[in-house]
């Protein structure tokens, strides 16, 4: 986390900056706690300019902590901003209102106002960046919300905000269900996702969403397709079935990647998992969500030699977001939670583990602001706490950042920011410098 000393103010055009004196600082790259570090932050941009060691004795003698620009955290441990890779700002806990009622009985105005509250609660919980994986019936609200929360002139406090617009599903696979007219999609025009069938429709919907401003594309690789069977066959209704065929998956993933956008896939991990994570697949995605039912998959056995930089045509390892929190909060005594816990425990105990993991709880199904539950559950299930902190900070940023940060071109961009004397890992900060190229870099 150290950056070489220098005249940051002259390089950044900012003569004033805040200094945070940390007793202990967590280095998310090395997974180490380092003592006595002073963090210089630009008062103009909010960017971290420098991280250097300090001598406690010299600080006692020379630093005036009555000056608001000097923040005394010498008795504290300072952490980088957390990243939640799976939130839904336009949802609130199902224990308050069911998913279906939120879709069909809450107005877009109400859901948007709730989203502003959720953004603040998330930021105050220490999360400086999130990825919202679908508005769940709120249409394009996330793309417009992004400008208000993390644009150059934000209207409300909140984290840096990446959004996926409307999740892509196949016809008949998603809700809300129309009980009176079962063959009609949605209820009074309200649908929780966007349906696409066939290669042409899949290409078209990806192009439209990216053109509308989506940072990510999200697809449902499997789902409870036969949910309407609940009253006569609950087991049939609860079973996840593959949605898209391989040609459709290929069309979605390849179209998104050609447009410079990453792809996230919802999957329980039973049958679609292998193709979604394999570097040999034509539809390998960038992150898989949930995966509670994954078996003895090659996801836990891949050699690093199987992956090279994306800009050579072969993608890097898929990031797994286990979303333990949603299973736990919806029923910690249920078979689904037990299965999710078992899968995660098996993964972290694998001696030849080669899997990228990041933190995301499916936050919104439970309370925003309680995002850290995901990290707590990971540690509870046996993961090393320092590793979990890395997954919740740097690992999250490596997941949600755009394709422009990957491969050789990504390294060049990181080097350019380093020349500015700014830590690459602080790309998750919400405020940005006024220089156009810096604004462009940090908006992706």
Protein backbone atom coordinates (compact mmCIF):
# COMPACT_ATOMS: atom_id res chain seq x y z
CA UNK A 1 0.00 0.00 0.00
CA UNK A 2 3.00 2.32 0.21
CA UNK A 3 3.53 4.88 -2.50
CA UNK A 4 6.81 6.69 -2.97
CA UNK A 5 6.98 10.13 -1.43
CA UNK A 6 6.79 13.24 -3.55
CA UNK A 7 5.02 16.49 -4.11
CA UNK A 8 1.50 15.16 -4.55
CA UNK A 9 -0.05 18.59 -4.38
CA UNK A 10 1.88 19.86 -7.39
CA UNK A 11 1.04 16.74 -9.39
CA UNK A 12 -2.67 16.83 -8.59
CA UNK A 13 -3.22 20.56 -8.60
CA UNK A 14 -4.52 20.45 -5.03
CA UNK A 15 -2.64 22.48 -2.45
CA UNK A 16 -4.72 21.33 0.49
CA UNK A 17 -5.19 17.80 1.70
CA UNK A 18 -6.30 15.89 4.76
CA UNK A 19 -3.96 13.61 6.67
CA UNK A 20 -5.31 10.54 8.44
CA UNK A 21 -2.97 9.14 11.08
CA UNK A 22 -3.75 5.44 11.40
CA UNK A 23 -2.45 3.38 14.29
CA UNK A 24 -2.83 0.27 12.12
CA UNK A 25 -3.69 0.00 8.43
CA UNK A 26 -4.85 -3.13 6.61
CA UNK A 27 -3.01 -3.73 3.33
CA UNK A 28 -5.54 -5.60 1.22
CA UNK A 29 -2.95 -6.63 -1.36
CA UNK A 30 -0.53 -8.28 1.07
CA UNK A 31 -3.19 -9.22 3.65
CA UNK A 32 -1.11 -7.56 6.34
CA UNK A 33 -1.75 -5.16 9.20
CA UNK A 34 0.89 -2.44 9.10
CA UNK A 35 1.61 -0.03 11.92
CA UNK A 36 1.80 3.75 11.98
CA UNK A 37 0.74 4.99 8.55
CA UNK A 38 -0.35 8.46 7.51
CA UNK A 39 -2.78 8.62 4.61
CA UNK A 40 -2.87 11.83 2.58
CA UNK A 41 -6.23 12.55 0.97
CA UNK A 42 -6.94 15.27 -1.58
CA UNK A 43 -9.44 17.76 -0.16
CA UNK A 44 -10.50 18.60 -3.71
CA UNK A 45 -10.99 15.14 -5.15
CA UNK A 46 -11.26 12.77 -2.17
CA UNK A 47 -8.54 10.57 -3.69
CA UNK A 48 -5.79 8.99 -1.64
CA UNK A 49 -2.56 10.67 -2.71
CA UNK A 50 0.01 9.00 -0.52
CA UNK A 51 0.49 6.40 2.21
CA UNK A 52 3.65 6.70 4.30
CA UNK A 53 5.01 5.54 7.68
CA UNK A 54 5.19 8.02 10.53
CA UNK A 55 7.08 8.18 13.82
CA UNK A 56 4.73 8.32 16.83
CA UNK A 57 7.12 10.57 18.73
CA UNK A 58 7.44 13.08 15.91
CA UNK A 59 3.67 13.16 15.42
CA UNK A 60 3.11 13.88 19.12
CA UNK A 61 5.52 16.80 18.92
CA UNK A 62 4.61 18.34 15.56
CA UNK A 63 1.04 17.54 14.49
CA UNK A 64 -1.83 19.77 15.57
CA UNK A 65 -4.91 17.55 15.87
CA UNK A 66 -7.13 20.54 16.59
CA UNK A 67 -6.74 21.27 12.88
CA UNK A 68 -9.62 19.54 11.08
CA UNK A 69 -7.25 18.54 8.30
CA UNK A 70 -5.41 16.20 10.67
CA UNK A 71 -7.51 13.21 11.73
CA UNK A 72 -6.30 11.25 14.74
CA UNK A 73 -6.96 7.52 14.31
CA UNK A 74 -3.76 6.43 16.03
CA UNK A 75 -5.74 4.20 18.39
CA UNK A 76 -7.73 2.67 15.55
CA UNK A 77 -7.34 0.13 12.76
CA UNK A 78 -8.14 1.66 9.37
CA UNK A 79 -9.52 -0.46 6.53
CA UNK A 80 -9.91 0.25 2.81
CA UNK A 81 -13.47 0.86 1.63
CA UNK A 82 -15.52 -2.33 1.40
CA UNK A 83 -17.10 -3.52 -1.84
CA UNK A 84 -20.43 -5.37 -2.07
CA UNK A 85 -20.55 -7.15 -5.43
CA UNK A 86 -24.22 -8.13 -5.22
CA UNK A 87 -26.80 -5.61 -4.05
CA UNK A 88 -30.29 -4.57 -5.08
CA UNK A 89 -30.83 -0.94 -4.06
CA UNK A 90 -34.41 -1.04 -5.37
CA UNK A 91 -35.37 -3.87 -3.01
CA UNK A 92 -35.81 -3.91 0.76
CA UNK A 93 -35.98 -6.94 3.07
CA UNK A 94 -38.46 -9.66 2.14
CA UNK A 95 -39.28 -9.90 5.83
CA UNK A 96 -40.91 -6.47 5.43
CA UNK A 97 -42.56 -6.90 2.02
CA UNK A 98 -42.43 -9.85 -0.35
CA UNK A 99 -40.51 -9.60 -3.61
CA UNK A 100 -43.75 -9.90 -5.59
CA UNK A 101 -45.49 -7.13 -3.64
CA UNK A 102 -42.50 -4.84 -4.05
CA UNK A 103 -42.75 -5.36 -7.79
CA UNK A 104 -46.49 -4.97 -8.12
CA UNK A 105 -47.63 -2.76 -5.24
CA UNK A 106 -44.85 -0.24 -4.68
CA UNK A 107 -44.57 2.73 -7.02
CA UNK A 108 -41.36 3.59 -8.83
CA UNK A 109 -41.25 6.82 -6.79
CA UNK A 110 -41.34 4.90 -3.53
CA UNK A 111 -38.74 2.39 -4.67
CA UNK A 112 -36.41 5.16 -5.85
CA UNK A 113 -36.71 7.07 -2.57
CA UNK A 114 -35.96 3.85 -0.74
CA UNK A 115 -32.89 3.41 -2.97
CA UNK A 116 -31.53 6.79 -1.84
CA UNK A 117 -31.88 5.67 1.78
CA UNK A 118 -30.20 2.36 0.96
CA UNK A 119 -27.28 4.17 -0.69
CA UNK A 120 -26.64 6.22 2.43
CA UNK A 121 -26.98 3.22 4.75
CA UNK A 122 -24.51 1.30 2.60
CA UNK A 123 -21.94 4.08 2.61
CA UNK A 124 -22.25 4.60 6.36
CA UNK A 125 -21.59 0.88 6.82
CA UNK A 126 -18.18 1.39 5.22
CA UNK A 127 -19.01 0.28 1.67
CA UNK A 128 -17.56 2.65 -0.89
CA UNK A 129 -18.50 0.67 -4.00
CA UNK A 130 -21.33 -1.68 -4.96
CA UNK A 131 -22.58 -3.58 -7.98
CA UNK A 132 -26.37 -3.54 -8.33
CA UNK A 133 -27.41 -6.71 -10.18
CA UNK A 134 -30.85 -5.75 -11.38
CA UNK A 135 -33.64 -3.31 -10.62
CA UNK A 136 -36.16 -6.15 -10.19
CA UNK A 137 -39.11 -4.42 -11.82
CA UNK A 138 -37.85 -0.83 -11.49
CA UNK A 139 -36.88 -0.64 -15.17
CA UNK A 140 -34.03 1.72 -16.01
CA UNK A 141 -34.03 3.43 -12.63
CA UNK A 142 -30.52 2.21 -11.75
CA UNK A 143 -28.87 3.83 -14.79
CA UNK A 144 -30.48 7.16 -13.90
CA UNK A 145 -29.81 6.68 -10.18
CA UNK A 146 -26.09 6.19 -10.87
CA UNK A 147 -25.72 9.80 -12.00
CA UNK A 148 -27.31 11.04 -8.79
CA UNK A 149 -25.17 8.97 -6.43
CA UNK A 150 -21.77 8.61 -8.07
CA UNK A 151 -21.57 11.09 -10.91
CA UNK A 152 -19.20 14.08 -10.89
CA UNK A 153 -21.85 16.19 -9.08
CA UNK A 154 -23.67 13.72 -6.80
CA UNK A 155 -27.01 14.76 -5.32
CA UNK A 156 -27.05 12.22 -2.49
CA UNK A 157 -24.42 10.43 -0.38
CA UNK A 158 -23.65 6.89 -1.40
CA UNK A 159 -21.04 4.47 -2.70
CA UNK A 160 -19.61 4.23 -6.17
CA UNK A 161 -22.34 2.51 -8.13
CA UNK A 162 -22.09 -0.08 -10.90
CA UNK A 163 -25.39 -1.28 -12.34
CA UNK A 164 -26.72 -4.12 -14.49
CA UNK A 165 -30.09 -2.63 -15.48
CA UNK A 166 -32.59 -5.46 -16.10
CA UNK A 167 -31.55 -9.07 -15.64
CA UNK A 168 -31.99 -11.14 -18.80
CA UNK A 169 -34.18 -14.25 -18.58
CA UNK A 170 -36.05 -16.55 -20.94
CA UNK A 171 -39.81 -16.36 -21.48
CA UNK A 172 -41.77 -18.06 -18.71
CA UNK A 173 -38.88 -18.44 -16.29
CA UNK A 174 -39.24 -15.39 -14.03
CA UNK A 175 -41.84 -13.40 -12.12
CA UNK A 176 -43.93 -11.81 -10.96
CA UNK A 177 -46.42 -14.48 -11.99
CA UNK A 178 -49.88 -13.60 -13.21
CA UNK A 179 -52.20 -15.82 -11.19
CA UNK A 180 -55.32 -14.85 -13.13
CA UNK A 181 -53.75 -15.13 -16.59
CA UNK A 182 -50.85 -17.58 -16.21
CA UNK A 183 -49.73 -17.24 -19.85
CA UNK A 184 -49.26 -13.48 -19.60
CA UNK A 185 -45.87 -12.07 -18.70
CA UNK A 186 -45.85 -10.10 -15.48
CA UNK A 187 -48.68 -8.35 -13.66
CA UNK A 188 -50.21 -5.28 -15.29
CA UNK A 189 -47.05 -4.75 -17.30
CA UNK A 190 -44.71 -5.22 -14.31
CA UNK A 191 -41.91 -7.72 -14.94
CA UNK A 192 -38.94 -8.43 -12.71
CA UNK A 193 -36.51 -8.94 -15.60
CA UNK A 194 -36.31 -8.75 -19.40
CA UNK A 195 -37.08 -11.82 -21.48
CA UNK A 196 -35.10 -12.79 -24.59
CA UNK A 197 -35.44 -15.94 -26.66
CA UNK A 198 -33.23 -17.07 -29.52
CA UNK A 199 -29.85 -15.74 -30.60
CA UNK A 200 -31.16 -12.62 -32.32
CA UNK A 201 -33.20 -11.46 -29.34
CA UNK A 202 -30.30 -12.14 -26.96
CA UNK A 203 -27.94 -10.03 -29.05
CA UNK A 204 -30.52 -7.26 -29.34
CA UNK A 205 -31.27 -7.03 -25.62
CA UNK A 206 -27.58 -6.87 -24.70
CA UNK A 207 -26.95 -4.14 -27.25
CA UNK A 208 -29.92 -2.16 -26.00
CA UNK A 209 -28.96 -2.41 -22.34
CA UNK A 210 -25.32 -1.51 -22.96
CA UNK A 211 -26.44 1.37 -25.14
CA UNK A 212 -28.68 2.55 -22.31
CA UNK A 213 -25.68 2.72 -19.97
CA UNK A 214 -25.46 -0.63 -18.15
CA UNK A 215 -22.06 -1.30 -16.53
CA UNK A 216 -22.75 -5.05 -16.42
CA UNK A 217 -25.00 -7.57 -18.09
CA UNK A 218 -26.73 -10.08 -15.81
CA UNK A 219 -28.32 -13.30 -17.03
CA UNK A 220 -30.17 -16.11 -15.33
CA UNK A 221 -28.50 -19.34 -16.43
CA UNK A 222 -31.02 -21.37 -14.44
CA UNK A 223 -34.09 -20.67 -12.34
CA UNK A 224 -37.25 -22.15 -10.88
CA UNK A 225 -38.88 -22.39 -14.29
CA UNK A 226 -41.90 -24.39 -13.11
CA UNK A 227 -42.73 -22.27 -10.05
CA UNK A 228 -46.43 -22.33 -10.91
CA UNK A 229 -46.48 -26.01 -9.93
CA UNK A 230 -46.18 -25.11 -6.24
CA UNK A 231 -49.75 -26.01 -5.30
CA UNK A 232 -49.59 -29.49 -6.82
CA UNK A 233 -45.90 -30.40 -6.73
CA UNK A 234 -43.69 -28.23 -4.48
CA UNK A 235 -40.59 -30.26 -5.31
CA UNK A 236 -41.05 -29.73 -9.03
CA UNK A 237 -41.70 -26.03 -8.47
CA UNK A 238 -38.51 -25.55 -6.43
CA UNK A 239 -36.16 -27.23 -8.89
CA UNK A 240 -33.80 -24.98 -10.87
CA UNK A 241 -33.72 -25.71 -14.58
CA UNK A 242 -31.41 -24.37 -17.27
CA UNK A 243 -32.91 -21.39 -19.07
CA UNK A 244 -30.83 -20.40 -22.11
CA UNK A 245 -29.32 -22.88 -24.53
CA UNK A 246 -25.60 -22.74 -25.32
CA UNK A 247 -26.08 -20.69 -28.49
CA UNK A 248 -28.06 -18.08 -26.58
CA UNK A 249 -25.49 -17.94 -23.78
CA UNK A 250 -22.72 -17.56 -26.34
CA UNK A 251 -24.61 -14.70 -27.99
CA UNK A 252 -25.13 -12.83 -24.71
CA UNK A 253 -21.58 -13.20 -23.43
CA UNK A 254 -19.77 -12.54 -26.69
CA UNK A 255 -21.92 -9.51 -27.52
CA UNK A 256 -21.35 -7.99 -24.09
CA UNK A 257 -17.60 -8.58 -24.19
CA UNK A 258 -17.30 -7.08 -27.65
CA UNK A 259 -18.95 -3.97 -26.25
CA UNK A 260 -16.51 -3.90 -23.32
CA UNK A 261 -19.00 -5.01 -20.67
CA UNK A 262 -18.63 -7.88 -18.22
CA UNK A 263 -21.28 -10.53 -17.59
CA UNK A 264 -22.65 -11.94 -14.31
CA UNK A 265 -24.65 -15.17 -14.21
CA UNK A 266 -27.16 -16.34 -11.64
CA UNK A 267 -26.79 -20.09 -11.15
CA UNK A 268 -27.40 -22.64 -8.44
CA UNK A 269 -24.42 -24.57 -9.78
CA UNK A 270 -25.99 -27.91 -10.67
CA UNK A 271 -25.71 -28.17 -14.46
CA UNK A 272 -24.80 -24.81 -16.00
CA UNK A 273 -21.79 -24.12 -13.77
CA UNK A 274 -19.06 -25.78 -15.83
CA UNK A 275 -19.72 -23.88 -19.03
CA UNK A 276 -20.07 -20.57 -17.20
CA UNK A 277 -16.65 -20.78 -15.55
CA UNK A 278 -14.53 -22.80 -17.99
CA UNK A 279 -11.85 -20.90 -19.96
CA UNK A 280 -12.49 -23.38 -22.75
CA UNK A 281 -16.13 -22.33 -23.01
CA UNK A 282 -17.41 -19.82 -25.56
CA UNK A 283 -19.68 -18.35 -22.90
CA UNK A 284 -17.43 -18.08 -19.83
CA UNK A 285 -18.80 -15.27 -17.69
CA UNK A 286 -16.94 -12.85 -15.44
CA UNK A 287 -18.78 -13.67 -12.22
CA UNK A 288 -21.12 -16.39 -11.01
CA UNK A 289 -23.67 -15.58 -8.33
CA UNK A 290 -24.83 -18.05 -5.65
CA UNK A 291 -23.70 -21.54 -6.75
CA UNK A 292 -24.91 -23.23 -3.58
CA UNK A 293 -25.31 -26.60 -5.31
CA UNK A 294 -21.99 -26.77 -7.13
CA UNK A 295 -20.37 -30.21 -6.94
CA UNK A 296 -16.77 -31.32 -7.39
CA UNK A 297 -16.18 -28.79 -10.13
CA UNK A 298 -13.01 -27.96 -12.01
CA UNK A 299 -13.66 -24.45 -10.71
CA UNK A 300 -11.74 -25.55 -7.64
CA UNK A 301 -8.95 -27.31 -9.54
CA UNK A 302 -7.95 -25.07 -12.46
CA UNK A 303 -4.28 -24.38 -13.03
CA UNK A 304 -3.22 -20.72 -13.36
CA UNK A 305 -1.65 -21.69 -16.69
CA UNK A 306 -5.17 -22.18 -18.06
CA UNK A 307 -5.78 -18.45 -17.92
CA UNK A 308 -4.10 -15.53 -19.64
CA UNK A 309 -5.03 -11.90 -20.06
CA UNK A 310 -8.40 -11.18 -21.61
CA UNK A 311 -6.91 -9.00 -24.34
CA UNK A 312 -5.26 -12.07 -25.87
CA UNK A 313 -8.66 -13.67 -26.37
CA UNK A 314 -8.74 -16.01 -23.35
CA UNK A 315 -10.46 -14.80 -20.22
CA UNK A 316 -9.23 -14.75 -16.65
CA UNK A 317 -10.74 -16.87 -13.85
CA UNK A 318 -14.39 -16.28 -13.14
CA UNK A 319 -15.12 -14.65 -9.78
CA UNK A 320 -17.45 -16.52 -7.46
CA UNK A 321 -19.87 -14.50 -5.31
CA UNK A 322 -21.27 -17.11 -2.85
CA UNK A 323 -24.05 -14.82 -1.46
CA UNK A 324 -24.11 -16.75 1.81
CA UNK A 325 -26.11 -13.98 3.46
CA UNK A 326 -29.27 -14.44 1.42
CA UNK A 327 -29.44 -18.15 2.25
CA UNK A 328 -28.76 -17.47 5.92
CA UNK A 329 -31.31 -14.67 6.34
CA UNK A 330 -34.06 -16.48 4.43
CA UNK A 331 -33.70 -19.53 6.67
CA UNK A 332 -30.62 -20.67 8.54
CA UNK A 333 -32.29 -24.00 9.29
CA UNK A 334 -33.19 -24.70 5.68
CA UNK A 335 -31.51 -27.30 3.44
CA UNK A 336 -30.50 -24.51 1.03
CA UNK A 337 -28.45 -22.69 3.69
CA UNK A 338 -26.84 -25.93 4.82
CA UNK A 339 -25.95 -26.77 1.23
CA UNK A 340 -24.52 -23.29 0.58
CA UNK A 341 -22.44 -23.47 3.77
CA UNK A 342 -21.15 -26.93 2.83
CA UNK A 343 -20.17 -25.82 -0.67
CA UNK A 344 -18.29 -22.79 0.63
CA UNK A 345 -16.53 -24.78 3.34
CA UNK A 346 -15.43 -27.39 0.82
CA UNK A 347 -14.08 -24.71 -1.49
CA UNK A 348 -11.93 -22.93 1.10
CA UNK A 349 -10.52 -26.22 2.38
CA UNK A 350 -9.35 -27.38 -1.06
CA UNK A 351 -5.56 -27.66 -0.95
CA UNK A 352 -5.27 -26.80 -4.65
CA UNK A 353 -7.84 -24.02 -4.56
CA UNK A 354 -7.53 -21.70 -7.52
CA UNK A 355 -10.71 -19.68 -7.39
CA UNK A 356 -11.29 -15.97 -7.20
CA UNK A 357 -13.80 -15.07 -4.52
CA UNK A 358 -15.37 -11.73 -3.72
CA UNK A 359 -18.04 -10.63 -1.26
CA UNK A 360 -21.66 -9.89 -2.08
CA UNK A 361 -24.65 -10.87 -0.01
CA UNK A 362 -27.59 -10.30 -2.37
CA UNK A 363 -28.12 -7.31 -0.10
CA UNK A 364 -31.64 -5.95 -0.33
CA UNK A 365 -33.20 -9.30 0.39
CA UNK A 366 -31.98 -8.38 3.88
CA UNK A 367 -31.25 -4.91 5.23
CA UNK A 368 -28.93 -2.52 3.46
CA UNK A 369 -26.26 -1.46 5.94
CA UNK A 370 -25.90 -5.06 7.14
CA UNK A 371 -23.65 -5.85 4.15
CA UNK A 372 -20.82 -7.08 6.37
CA UNK A 373 -22.89 -10.15 7.28
CA UNK A 374 -21.35 -11.84 4.24
CA UNK A 375 -17.82 -11.45 5.59
CA UNK A 376 -18.90 -12.56 9.06
CA UNK A 377 -20.45 -15.74 7.67
CA UNK A 378 -17.32 -16.51 5.64
CA UNK A 379 -15.16 -16.29 8.75
CA UNK A 380 -17.71 -18.29 10.75
CA UNK A 381 -17.47 -21.06 8.14
CA UNK A 382 -13.69 -21.22 8.47
CA UNK A 383 -12.19 -18.69 6.07
CA UNK A 384 -9.13 -16.76 7.27
CA UNK A 385 -10.27 -13.30 8.37
CA UNK A 386 -7.46 -11.49 6.56
CA UNK A 387 -8.30 -13.29 3.35
CA UNK A 388 -11.94 -12.36 3.80
CA UNK A 389 -10.99 -8.72 4.24
CA UNK A 390 -9.11 -8.95 0.96
CA UNK A 391 -12.16 -10.50 -0.75
CA UNK A 392 -14.28 -7.68 0.66
CA UNK A 393 -11.99 -4.88 -0.54
CA UNK A 394 -9.46 -5.43 -3.31
CA UNK A 395 -11.13 -8.65 -4.48
CA UNK A 396 -14.41 -6.83 -4.86
CA UNK A 397 -12.85 -4.02 -6.84
CA UNK A 398 -11.10 -6.47 -9.16
CA UNK A 399 -14.49 -8.07 -9.78
CA UNK A 400 -16.74 -5.08 -10.42
CA UNK A 401 -14.30 -2.89 -12.34
CA UNK A 402 -14.73 -2.69 -16.09
CA UNK A 403 -12.87 -4.69 -18.73
CA UNK A 404 -10.69 -1.65 -19.34
CA UNK A 405 -8.72 -2.55 -16.21
CA UNK A 406 -7.91 -6.06 -17.43
CA UNK A 407 -4.95 -7.36 -19.45
CA UNK A 408 -2.05 -5.27 -20.73
CA UNK A 409 -4.21 -2.21 -21.41
CA UNK A 410 -5.40 -2.34 -17.82
CA UNK A 411 -1.84 -2.45 -16.55
CA UNK A 412 -1.05 0.64 -18.61
CA UNK A 413 -4.00 2.49 -17.10
CA UNK A 414 -2.91 1.51 -13.60
CA UNK A 415 0.59 2.73 -14.35
CA UNK A 416 -0.78 6.05 -15.51
CA UNK A 417 -2.65 6.52 -12.25
CA UNK A 418 0.45 5.50 -10.29
CA UNK A 419 2.32 8.32 -12.00
CA UNK A 420 -0.27 10.62 -10.46
CA UNK A 421 0.78 9.19 -7.08
CA UNK A 422 -2.63 7.68 -6.43
CA UNK A 423 -3.16 4.15 -5.14
CA UNK A 424 -4.82 2.04 -7.85
CA UNK A 425 -6.94 0.36 -5.21
CA UNK A 426 -8.61 3.68 -4.37
CA UNK A 427 -10.33 3.61 -7.74
CA UNK A 428 -13.32 2.56 -5.65
CA UNK A 429 -13.61 6.05 -4.17
CA UNK A 430 -16.63 8.03 -5.28
CA UNK A 431 -15.21 11.49 -5.84
CA UNK A 432 -13.10 12.14 -8.91
CA UNK A 433 -10.57 14.65 -10.18
CA UNK A 434 -11.58 17.25 -12.73
CA UNK A 435 -9.09 16.16 -15.41
CA UNK A 436 -11.09 14.45 -18.20
CA UNK A 437 -8.87 11.36 -18.56
CA UNK A 438 -8.96 10.75 -14.81
CA UNK A 439 -12.74 11.10 -14.74
CA UNK A 440 -12.99 8.59 -17.56
CA UNK A 441 -10.60 6.15 -15.86
CA UNK A 442 -12.29 6.22 -12.49
CA UNK A 443 -15.81 5.97 -13.91
CA UNK A 444 -15.04 2.43 -15.07
